[in-house]
Amino acid sequence: YQRRVRVASQGEDLEQHIVTPGDVITQNLDFMKSHGTALSHDHICATVAGAVYKVDKLVSVKGVNVRYRGEIGDVVVGRITEVQQKKWKVDCGSRLDCQLQLSSVYLPGNVLRRKTLNDELMMREYFTEGDLICGEVSDVGNVDGMLKLHMRSNKYGKLPEGVLIKVPSVLIKRSKLHFHRLPCNATVILGNNGFVWVGPHFSPNQPIEPFTITSRETIARLSNVIKALAAYGVQLFDTIILTAYDISMKYKVKELLNAEVMEHVAQESYEHSLHQNL
């Protein structure tokens, strides 16, 4: 896999890509430098390894090996670590555990109402330690940066059996949709915090069909494909995951753990995405 370095010249727009320290980001001095960048002679270069982000004329580089810093509206996948009074603590890979208030969740039956003492006593019936959940960031603390989550939609809630994969949050491509029902009979949730969940198709508050050998192999193959893409710094979104899945069909599931096979799958998927301008 060969990393692409793209330089924006005068009058040319920037696109998101991966850079390492010293790489030239742009020669257009109309851009303003921000975190992870520095001005060198007549161009802006990166000071950390990560992905380039542009907001209007502000350019920054988000480091690869940094803690997740959430934003309002982010879709996150996390694990319950503690049940407290009227709230749960959730590990989302951020500096502090996220907070999920009892008042911010749908009760069984998709009911959003005023919570009572009985609801507080039954908190462990809803979520308990070790459960995987999916939610949305509703607030970010001004002082400590603690994230507050909510589940005021029936698409959020407790996740069934599946596979959790942790990748750098910078590799998750931001989009309007992070829930993907793939045609290979599997669902992938790409959390903005870098937690990726792979499992069977499911609907909230409905029983899950028993796992079959085929579904297990599909989930395992998807998981290995995502690990291969992340290992070589390829940004993750639904189209490139499906492309890598199709490319991987020539190999057995366990062969996808081989370093050479991982490199081949990642490189072919990346080149295909470049050809399709994804």
C-alpha atoms as a PDB file:
ATOM      1  CA  TYR A   1       0.000   0.000   0.000  1.00  0.00           C
ATOM      2  CA  GLN A   2       1.377   3.366  -0.978  1.00  0.00           C
ATOM      3  CA  ARG A   3       0.064   6.457   0.749  1.00  0.00           C
ATOM      4  CA  ARG A   4      -1.131   9.240  -1.510  1.00  0.00           C
ATOM      5  CA  VAL A   5       0.184  12.753  -0.764  1.00  0.00           C
ATOM      6  CA  ARG A   6      -1.778  15.459  -2.495  1.00  0.00           C
ATOM      7  CA  VAL A   7      -0.684  19.107  -2.576  1.00  0.00           C
ATOM      8  CA  ALA A   8      -3.200  21.900  -3.149  1.00  0.00           C
ATOM      9  CA  SER A   9      -1.768  24.761  -5.160  1.00  0.00           C
ATOM     10  CA  GLN A  10      -3.066  28.284  -5.612  1.00  0.00           C
ATOM     11  CA  GLY A  11      -6.788  28.337  -6.244  1.00  0.00           C
ATOM     12  CA  GLU A  12      -7.152  24.550  -5.741  1.00  0.00           C
ATOM     13  CA  ASP A  13      -9.373  23.034  -3.062  1.00  0.00           C
ATOM     14  CA  LEU A  14      -8.147  20.617  -0.377  1.00  0.00           C
ATOM     15  CA  GLU A  15      -9.431  17.107   0.100  1.00  0.00           C
ATOM     16  CA  GLN A  16      -9.026  14.915   3.169  1.00  0.00           C
ATOM     17  CA  HIS A  17      -5.978  12.636   3.067  1.00  0.00           C
ATOM     18  CA  ILE A  18      -3.373  11.083   5.352  1.00  0.00           C
ATOM     19  CA  VAL A  19      -0.112  12.957   5.992  1.00  0.00           C
ATOM     20  CA  THR A  20       3.055  12.448   8.045  1.00  0.00           C
ATOM     21  CA  PRO A  21       5.266  15.093   9.698  1.00  0.00           C
ATOM     22  CA  GLY A  22       6.919  17.269   7.065  1.00  0.00           C
ATOM     23  CA  ASP A  23       4.422  16.548   4.274  1.00  0.00           C
ATOM     24  CA  VAL A  24       3.291  19.613   2.359  1.00  0.00           C
ATOM     25  CA  ILE A  25      -0.460  20.134   2.793  1.00  0.00           C
ATOM     26  CA  THR A  26      -0.959  23.171   0.605  1.00  0.00           C
ATOM     27  CA  GLN A  27       0.956  25.933  -1.117  1.00  0.00           C
ATOM     28  CA  ASN A  28      -2.076  28.209  -1.050  1.00  0.00           C
ATOM     29  CA  LEU A  29      -1.356  30.820   1.621  1.00  0.00           C
ATOM     30  CA  ASP A  30      -5.012  31.847   1.676  1.00  0.00           C
ATOM     31  CA  PHE A  31      -5.522  28.923   4.070  1.00  0.00           C
ATOM     32  CA  MET A  32      -4.981  29.465   7.807  1.00  0.00           C
ATOM     33  CA  LYS A  33      -2.958  26.947   9.795  1.00  0.00           C
ATOM     34  CA  SER A  34      -4.368  25.307  12.911  1.00  0.00           C
ATOM     35  CA  HIS A  35      -3.587  22.307  15.150  1.00  0.00           C
ATOM     36  CA  GLY A  36      -1.034  19.900  13.698  1.00  0.00           C
ATOM     37  CA  THR A  37       0.246  22.286  11.036  1.00  0.00           C
ATOM     38  CA  ALA A  38       3.061  24.818  10.657  1.00  0.00           C
ATOM     39  CA  LEU A  39       4.095  27.462   8.154  1.00  0.00           C
ATOM     40  CA  SER A  40       7.346  26.623   6.367  1.00  0.00           C
ATOM     41  CA  HIS A  41       8.629  29.069   3.723  1.00  0.00           C
ATOM     42  CA  ASP A  42       5.769  29.422   1.244  1.00  0.00           C
ATOM     43  CA  HIS A  43       3.634  26.411   2.185  1.00  0.00           C
ATOM     44  CA  ILE A  44       1.771  24.813   5.089  1.00  0.00           C
ATOM     45  CA  CYS A  45       3.121  21.454   6.227  1.00  0.00           C
ATOM     46  CA  ALA A  46       2.047  18.833   8.768  1.00  0.00           C
ATOM     47  CA  THR A  47       3.691  18.487  12.182  1.00  0.00           C
ATOM     48  CA  VAL A  48       1.906  15.258  13.206  1.00  0.00           C
ATOM     49  CA  ALA A  49       0.818  12.087  11.440  1.00  0.00           C
ATOM     50  CA  GLY A  50      -2.906  12.026  10.758  1.00  0.00           C
ATOM     51  CA  ALA A  51      -5.716  13.159   8.489  1.00  0.00           C
ATOM     52  CA  VAL A  52      -6.149  16.632   7.018  1.00  0.00           C
ATOM     53  CA  TYR A  53      -9.382  18.453   7.851  1.00  0.00           C
ATOM     54  CA  LYS A  54     -10.554  21.716   6.320  1.00  0.00           C
ATOM     55  CA  VAL A  55     -13.275  24.012   7.635  1.00  0.00           C
ATOM     56  CA  ASP A  56     -13.679  26.924   5.236  1.00  0.00           C
ATOM     57  CA  LYS A  57     -10.129  28.323   5.114  1.00  0.00           C
ATOM     58  CA  LEU A  58      -8.918  26.682   8.337  1.00  0.00           C
ATOM     59  CA  VAL A  59      -6.633  23.656   7.881  1.00  0.00           C
ATOM     60  CA  SER A  60      -5.784  21.214  10.668  1.00  0.00           C
ATOM     61  CA  VAL A  61      -4.354  17.710  11.058  1.00  0.00           C
ATOM     62  CA  LYS A  62      -5.995  15.288  13.464  1.00  0.00           C
ATOM     63  CA  GLY A  63      -3.393  12.870  14.825  1.00  0.00           C
ATOM     64  CA  VAL A  64      -3.842   9.128  14.343  1.00  0.00           C
ATOM     65  CA  ASN A  65      -2.868   7.970  17.830  1.00  0.00           C
ATOM     66  CA  VAL A  66      -4.868  10.468  19.850  1.00  0.00           C
ATOM     67  CA  ARG A  67      -7.867  10.069  22.117  1.00  0.00           C
ATOM     68  CA  TYR A  68     -11.260  10.559  20.555  1.00  0.00           C
ATOM     69  CA  ARG A  69     -12.625  14.079  21.024  1.00  0.00           C
ATOM     70  CA  GLY A  70     -16.306  13.982  20.249  1.00  0.00           C
ATOM     71  CA  GLU A  71     -18.550  16.514  18.605  1.00  0.00           C
ATOM     72  CA  ILE A  72     -22.285  17.006  18.958  1.00  0.00           C
ATOM     73  CA  GLY A  73     -24.104  14.722  16.533  1.00  0.00           C
ATOM     74  CA  ASP A  74     -21.396  12.042  16.402  1.00  0.00           C
ATOM     75  CA  VAL A  75     -22.593   8.446  16.264  1.00  0.00           C
ATOM     76  CA  VAL A  76     -20.600   6.375  18.767  1.00  0.00           C
ATOM     77  CA  VAL A  77     -20.373   2.739  19.785  1.00  0.00           C
ATOM     78  CA  GLY A  78     -19.375   2.071  23.383  1.00  0.00           C
ATOM     79  CA  ARG A  79     -19.402  -0.402  26.239  1.00  0.00           C
ATOM     80  CA  ILE A  80     -21.165   0.108  29.575  1.00  0.00           C
ATOM     81  CA  THR A  81     -18.568   0.230  32.360  1.00  0.00           C
ATOM     82  CA  GLU A  82     -20.627   1.291  35.372  1.00  0.00           C
ATOM     83  CA  VAL A  83     -24.240   1.742  36.452  1.00  0.00           C
ATOM     84  CA  GLN A  84     -24.743   4.800  38.670  1.00  0.00           C
ATOM     85  CA  GLN A  85     -27.696   6.752  40.009  1.00  0.00           C
ATOM     86  CA  LYS A  86     -29.886   7.730  37.053  1.00  0.00           C
ATOM     87  CA  LYS A  87     -27.010   7.308  34.574  1.00  0.00           C
ATOM     88  CA  TRP A  88     -24.589   4.878  32.971  1.00  0.00           C
ATOM     89  CA  LYS A  89     -20.868   5.308  32.337  1.00  0.00           C
ATOM     90  CA  VAL A  90     -19.827   4.305  28.813  1.00  0.00           C
ATOM     91  CA  ASP A  91     -16.330   3.620  27.451  1.00  0.00           C
ATOM     92  CA  CYS A  92     -16.162   5.285  24.029  1.00  0.00           C
ATOM     93  CA  GLY A  93     -12.387   5.606  23.719  1.00  0.00           C
ATOM     94  CA  SER A  94     -12.355   9.240  24.860  1.00  0.00           C
ATOM     95  CA  ARG A  95     -10.250  10.711  27.643  1.00  0.00           C
ATOM     96  CA  LEU A  96     -13.145  10.371  30.104  1.00  0.00           C
ATOM     97  CA  ASP A  97     -15.979   7.862  30.140  1.00  0.00           C
ATOM     98  CA  CYS A  98     -19.101   9.121  28.402  1.00  0.00           C
ATOM     99  CA  GLN A  99     -22.297   9.705  30.347  1.00  0.00           C
ATOM    100  CA  LEU A 100     -25.701   8.327  29.409  1.00  0.00           C
ATOM    101  CA  GLN A 101     -28.586   9.695  31.474  1.00  0.00           C
ATOM    102  CA  LEU A 102     -31.629   7.561  32.232  1.00  0.00           C
ATOM    103  CA  SER A 103     -33.783  10.437  30.982  1.00  0.00           C
ATOM    104  CA  SER A 104     -32.046  10.271  27.578  1.00  0.00           C
ATOM    105  CA  VAL A 105     -32.973   6.716  26.581  1.00  0.00           C
ATOM    106  CA  TYR A 106     -36.018   5.081  25.060  1.00  0.00           C
ATOM    107  CA  LEU A 107     -37.586   2.495  27.320  1.00  0.00           C
ATOM    108  CA  PRO A 108     -38.641  -0.915  25.932  1.00  0.00           C
ATOM    109  CA  GLY A 109     -41.437  -0.338  23.459  1.00  0.00           C
ATOM    110  CA  ASN A 110     -39.823   2.862  22.139  1.00  0.00           C
ATOM    111  CA  VAL A 111     -41.406   4.945  24.920  1.00  0.00           C
ATOM    112  CA  LEU A 112     -39.894   8.317  25.820  1.00  0.00           C
ATOM    113  CA  ARG A 113     -41.572   9.569  29.004  1.00  0.00           C
ATOM    114  CA  ARG A 114     -40.782  10.934  32.412  1.00  0.00           C
ATOM    115  CA  LYS A 115     -38.758   8.351  34.307  1.00  0.00           C
ATOM    116  CA  THR A 116     -39.969   7.115  37.692  1.00  0.00           C
ATOM    117  CA  LEU A 117     -38.347   5.455  40.699  1.00  0.00           C
ATOM    118  CA  ASN A 118     -39.263   2.041  39.271  1.00  0.00           C
ATOM    119  CA  ASP A 119     -37.349   2.866  36.095  1.00  0.00           C
ATOM    120  CA  GLU A 120     -34.307   3.770  38.179  1.00  0.00           C
ATOM    121  CA  LEU A 121     -34.523   0.482  40.065  1.00  0.00           C
ATOM    122  CA  MET A 122     -34.704  -1.424  36.764  1.00  0.00           C
ATOM    123  CA  MET A 123     -31.695   0.266  35.139  1.00  0.00           C
ATOM    124  CA  ARG A 124     -29.730  -2.992  35.044  1.00  0.00           C
ATOM    125  CA  GLU A 125     -32.608  -4.575  33.149  1.00  0.00           C
ATOM    126  CA  TYR A 126     -32.014  -2.042  30.350  1.00  0.00           C
ATOM    127  CA  PHE A 127     -28.203  -1.894  30.266  1.00  0.00           C
ATOM    128  CA  THR A 128     -25.638  -3.533  32.512  1.00  0.00           C
ATOM    129  CA  GLU A 129     -21.850  -3.664  32.697  1.00  0.00           C
ATOM    130  CA  GLY A 130     -20.304  -5.122  29.552  1.00  0.00           C
ATOM    131  CA  ASP A 131     -23.219  -4.352  27.223  1.00  0.00           C
ATOM    132  CA  LEU A 132     -22.392  -2.806  23.856  1.00  0.00           C
ATOM    133  CA  ILE A 133     -24.552   0.157  22.938  1.00  0.00           C
ATOM    134  CA  CYS A 134     -24.866   2.680  20.144  1.00  0.00           C
ATOM    135  CA  GLY A 135     -25.819   6.302  20.770  1.00  0.00           C
ATOM    136  CA  GLU A 136     -25.343   9.881  19.669  1.00  0.00           C
ATOM    137  CA  VAL A 137     -23.338  12.668  21.295  1.00  0.00           C
ATOM    138  CA  SER A 138     -25.770  15.292  22.607  1.00  0.00           C
ATOM    139  CA  ASP A 139     -23.388  17.539  24.533  1.00  0.00           C
ATOM    140  CA  VAL A 140     -19.680  18.120  25.184  1.00  0.00           C
ATOM    141  CA  GLY A 141     -18.535  19.437  28.562  1.00  0.00           C
ATOM    142  CA  ASN A 142     -16.997  22.903  28.417  1.00  0.00           C
ATOM    143  CA  VAL A 143     -14.544  22.262  31.261  1.00  0.00           C
ATOM    144  CA  ASP A 144     -13.525  18.596  31.189  1.00  0.00           C
ATOM    145  CA  GLY A 145     -14.740  17.650  27.699  1.00  0.00           C
ATOM    146  CA  MET A 146     -16.941  14.807  28.993  1.00  0.00           C
ATOM    147  CA  LEU A 147     -19.346  13.540  26.341  1.00  0.00           C
ATOM    148  CA  LYS A 148     -23.034  13.112  27.054  1.00  0.00           C
ATOM    149  CA  LEU A 149     -24.986  10.619  24.970  1.00  0.00           C
ATOM    150  CA  HIS A 150     -28.635  10.167  24.129  1.00  0.00           C
ATOM    151  CA  MET A 151     -30.768   7.455  22.535  1.00  0.00           C
ATOM    152  CA  ARG A 152     -33.834   9.440  21.521  1.00  0.00           C
ATOM    153  CA  SER A 153     -34.288   7.366  18.376  1.00  0.00           C
ATOM    154  CA  ASN A 154     -35.234   3.742  17.842  1.00  0.00           C
ATOM    155  CA  LYS A 155     -32.092   3.153  15.775  1.00  0.00           C
ATOM    156  CA  TYR A 156     -29.973   3.542  18.925  1.00  0.00           C
ATOM    157  CA  GLY A 157     -29.813   1.138  21.829  1.00  0.00           C
ATOM    158  CA  LYS A 158     -28.246  -2.130  22.918  1.00  0.00           C
ATOM    159  CA  LEU A 159     -26.374  -4.042  20.225  1.00  0.00           C
ATOM    160  CA  PRO A 160     -26.819  -7.806  19.827  1.00  0.00           C
ATOM    161  CA  GLU A 161     -24.038 -10.348  19.482  1.00  0.00           C
ATOM    162  CA  GLY A 162     -21.372  -9.339  17.013  1.00  0.00           C
ATOM    163  CA  VAL A 163     -17.743  -8.261  16.695  1.00  0.00           C
ATOM    164  CA  LEU A 164     -16.277  -5.005  18.015  1.00  0.00           C
ATOM    165  CA  ILE A 165     -13.232  -3.637  16.177  1.00  0.00           C
ATOM    166  CA  LYS A 166     -11.260  -0.653  17.464  1.00  0.00           C
ATOM    167  CA  VAL A 167      -9.517   1.524  14.868  1.00  0.00           C
ATOM    168  CA  PRO A 168      -8.139   5.089  15.022  1.00  0.00           C
ATOM    169  CA  SER A 169     -11.093   7.468  14.973  1.00  0.00           C
ATOM    170  CA  VAL A 170      -9.387   9.502  12.235  1.00  0.00           C
ATOM    171  CA  LEU A 171      -9.945   6.596   9.810  1.00  0.00           C
ATOM    172  CA  ILE A 172     -13.743   6.804  10.089  1.00  0.00           C
ATOM    173  CA  LYS A 173     -15.028   8.898   7.225  1.00  0.00           C
ATOM    174  CA  ARG A 174     -17.648  11.380   8.378  1.00  0.00           C
ATOM    175  CA  SER A 175     -20.960  11.012   6.592  1.00  0.00           C
ATOM    176  CA  LYS A 176     -24.667  11.403   7.184  1.00  0.00           C
ATOM    177  CA  LEU A 177     -25.107   7.643   7.505  1.00  0.00           C
ATOM    178  CA  HIS A 178     -23.084   5.409   9.826  1.00  0.00           C
ATOM    179  CA  PHE A 179     -25.475   2.424   9.915  1.00  0.00           C
ATOM    180  CA  HIS A 180     -24.937   0.198   6.893  1.00  0.00           C
ATOM    181  CA  ARG A 181     -27.024  -2.876   6.056  1.00  0.00           C
ATOM    182  CA  LEU A 182     -24.714  -4.583   3.584  1.00  0.00           C
ATOM    183  CA  PRO A 183     -25.979  -6.918   0.850  1.00  0.00           C
ATOM    184  CA  CYS A 184     -23.857  -9.743   2.301  1.00  0.00           C
ATOM    185  CA  ASN A 185     -26.453 -10.132   5.108  1.00  0.00           C
ATOM    186  CA  ALA A 186     -24.471  -8.226   7.716  1.00  0.00           C
ATOM    187  CA  THR A 187     -24.700  -4.837   9.396  1.00  0.00           C
ATOM    188  CA  VAL A 188     -21.759  -2.512  10.018  1.00  0.00           C
ATOM    189  CA  ILE A 189     -21.920   0.466  12.387  1.00  0.00           C
ATOM    190  CA  LEU A 190     -19.012   2.861  11.896  1.00  0.00           C
ATOM    191  CA  GLY A 191     -18.751   4.845  15.118  1.00  0.00           C
ATOM    192  CA  ASN A 192     -17.112   8.250  14.850  1.00  0.00           C
ATOM    193  CA  ASN A 193     -15.084   7.265  17.924  1.00  0.00           C
ATOM    194  CA  GLY A 194     -13.291   4.501  16.013  1.00  0.00           C
ATOM    195  CA  PHE A 195     -15.378   1.638  17.433  1.00  0.00           C
ATOM    196  CA  VAL A 196     -16.746  -0.452  14.563  1.00  0.00           C
ATOM    197  CA  TRP A 197     -19.462  -3.040  15.208  1.00  0.00           C
ATOM    198  CA  VAL A 198     -20.064  -5.899  12.771  1.00  0.00           C
ATOM    199  CA  GLY A 199     -22.999  -8.217  13.234  1.00  0.00           C
ATOM    200  CA  PRO A 200     -26.196  -9.621  11.735  1.00  0.00           C
ATOM    201  CA  HIS A 201     -29.153  -7.578  10.525  1.00  0.00           C
ATOM    202  CA  PHE A 202     -31.331  -6.614  13.473  1.00  0.00           C
ATOM    203  CA  SER A 203     -34.286  -4.444  14.397  1.00  0.00           C
ATOM    204  CA  PRO A 204     -34.736  -2.837  17.830  1.00  0.00           C
ATOM    205  CA  ASN A 205     -36.835  -4.807  20.331  1.00  0.00           C
ATOM    206  CA  GLN A 206     -37.151  -7.772  17.993  1.00  0.00           C
ATOM    207  CA  PRO A 207     -35.587 -11.218  18.454  1.00  0.00           C
ATOM    208  CA  ILE A 208     -32.414 -12.036  16.551  1.00  0.00           C
ATOM    209  CA  GLU A 209     -32.355 -15.081  14.311  1.00  0.00           C
ATOM    210  CA  PRO A 210     -29.914 -17.805  15.429  1.00  0.00           C
ATOM    211  CA  PHE A 211     -26.407 -17.605  13.991  1.00  0.00           C
ATOM    212  CA  THR A 212     -25.603 -19.939  11.124  1.00  0.00           C
ATOM    213  CA  ILE A 213     -22.189 -21.040   9.880  1.00  0.00           C
ATOM    214  CA  THR A 214     -22.596 -18.796   6.845  1.00  0.00           C
ATOM    215  CA  SER A 215     -23.420 -15.711   8.902  1.00  0.00           C
ATOM    216  CA  ARG A 216     -20.483 -16.371  11.235  1.00  0.00           C
ATOM    217  CA  GLU A 217     -18.103 -16.640   8.277  1.00  0.00           C
ATOM    218  CA  THR A 218     -19.508 -13.442   6.762  1.00  0.00           C
ATOM    219  CA  ILE A 219     -19.037 -11.506  10.006  1.00  0.00           C
ATOM    220  CA  ALA A 220     -15.526 -12.918  10.472  1.00  0.00           C
ATOM    221  CA  ARG A 221     -14.572 -12.033   6.882  1.00  0.00           C
ATOM    222  CA  LEU A 222     -15.898  -8.495   7.224  1.00  0.00           C
ATOM    223  CA  SER A 223     -14.041  -8.071  10.509  1.00  0.00           C
ATOM    224  CA  ASN A 224     -10.736  -9.241   9.000  1.00  0.00           C
ATOM    225  CA  VAL A 225     -11.250  -6.986   5.975  1.00  0.00           C
ATOM    226  CA  ILE A 226     -11.839  -3.941   8.183  1.00  0.00           C
ATOM    227  CA  LYS A 227      -8.733  -4.782  10.219  1.00  0.00           C
ATOM    228  CA  ALA A 228      -6.694  -5.039   7.011  1.00  0.00           C
ATOM    229  CA  LEU A 229      -7.911  -1.663   5.736  1.00  0.00           C
ATOM    230  CA  ALA A 230      -7.253   0.005   9.085  1.00  0.00           C
ATOM    231  CA  ALA A 231      -3.798  -1.558   9.382  1.00  0.00           C
ATOM    232  CA  TYR A 232      -2.743   0.214   6.181  1.00  0.00           C
ATOM    233  CA  GLY A 233      -4.404   3.534   6.945  1.00  0.00           C
ATOM    234  CA  VAL A 234      -7.315   3.286   4.510  1.00  0.00           C
ATOM    235  CA  GLN A 235     -10.319   5.385   5.480  1.00  0.00           C
ATOM    236  CA  LEU A 236     -13.407   3.320   6.265  1.00  0.00           C
ATOM    237  CA  PHE A 237     -16.796   3.778   4.646  1.00  0.00           C
ATOM    238  CA  ASP A 238     -19.397   1.395   3.293  1.00  0.00           C
ATOM    239  CA  THR A 239     -18.310   1.339  -0.363  1.00  0.00           C
ATOM    240  CA  ILE A 240     -14.649   0.547   0.255  1.00  0.00           C
ATOM    241  CA  ILE A 241     -15.586  -2.116   2.822  1.00  0.00           C
ATOM    242  CA  LEU A 242     -17.809  -3.843   0.245  1.00  0.00           C
ATOM    243  CA  THR A 243     -15.036  -3.579  -2.359  1.00  0.00           C
ATOM    244  CA  ALA A 244     -12.512  -5.136   0.007  1.00  0.00           C
ATOM    245  CA  TYR A 245     -15.040  -7.835   0.922  1.00  0.00           C
ATOM    246  CA  ASP A 246     -15.455  -8.794  -2.747  1.00  0.00           C
ATOM    247  CA  ILE A 247     -11.675  -8.806  -3.271  1.00  0.00           C
ATOM    248  CA  SER A 248     -11.211 -11.036  -0.214  1.00  0.00           C
ATOM    249  CA  MET A 249     -13.487 -13.769  -1.590  1.00  0.00           C
ATOM    250  CA  LYS A 250     -10.498 -15.385  -3.318  1.00  0.00           C
ATOM    251  CA  TYR A 251      -9.020 -16.130   0.125  1.00  0.00           C
ATOM    252  CA  LYS A 252     -10.195 -18.177   3.064  1.00  0.00           C
ATOM    253  CA  VAL A 253     -11.252 -16.267   6.172  1.00  0.00           C
ATOM    254  CA  LYS A 254      -8.202 -17.274   8.211  1.00  0.00           C
ATOM    255  CA  GLU A 255      -5.856 -16.339   5.326  1.00  0.00           C
ATOM    256  CA  LEU A 256      -6.980 -12.710   5.706  1.00  0.00           C
ATOM    257  CA  LEU A 257      -4.892 -12.547   8.892  1.00  0.00           C
ATOM    258  CA  ASN A 258      -1.721 -13.045   6.854  1.00  0.00           C
ATOM    259  CA  ALA A 259       0.252  -9.789   6.490  1.00  0.00           C
ATOM    260  CA  GLU A 260       0.814 -10.202   2.739  1.00  0.00           C
ATOM    261  CA  VAL A 261      -2.853 -10.930   2.096  1.00  0.00           C
ATOM    262  CA  MET A 262      -3.904  -7.954   4.232  1.00  0.00           C
ATOM    263  CA  GLU A 263      -1.602  -5.693   2.240  1.00  0.00           C
ATOM    264  CA  HIS A 264      -2.936  -7.026  -1.070  1.00  0.00           C
ATOM    265  CA  VAL A 265      -6.577  -6.518  -0.064  1.00  0.00           C
ATOM    266  CA  ALA A 266      -5.920  -3.016   1.281  1.00  0.00           C
ATOM    267  CA  GLN A 267      -3.910  -1.956  -1.780  1.00  0.00           C
ATOM    268  CA  GLU A 268      -6.425  -3.249  -4.325  1.00  0.00           C
ATOM    269  CA  SER A 269      -9.330  -1.696  -2.428  1.00  0.00           C
ATOM    270  CA  TYR A 270      -7.558   1.646  -2.205  1.00  0.00           C
ATOM    271  CA  GLU A 271      -6.635   1.660  -5.908  1.00  0.00           C
ATOM    272  CA  HIS A 272     -10.214   0.744  -6.825  1.00  0.00           C
ATOM    273  CA  SER A 273     -11.538   3.646  -4.740  1.00  0.00           C
ATOM    274  CA  LEU A 274      -9.130   6.008  -6.483  1.00  0.00           C
ATOM    275  CA  HIS A 275     -10.282   4.760  -9.876  1.00  0.00           C
ATOM    276  CA  GLN A 276     -13.934   5.234  -8.909  1.00  0.00           C
ATOM    277  CA  ASN A 277     -13.189   8.633  -7.289  1.00  0.00           C
ATOM    278  CA  LEU A 278     -14.816   7.531  -4.028  1.00  0.00           C
END
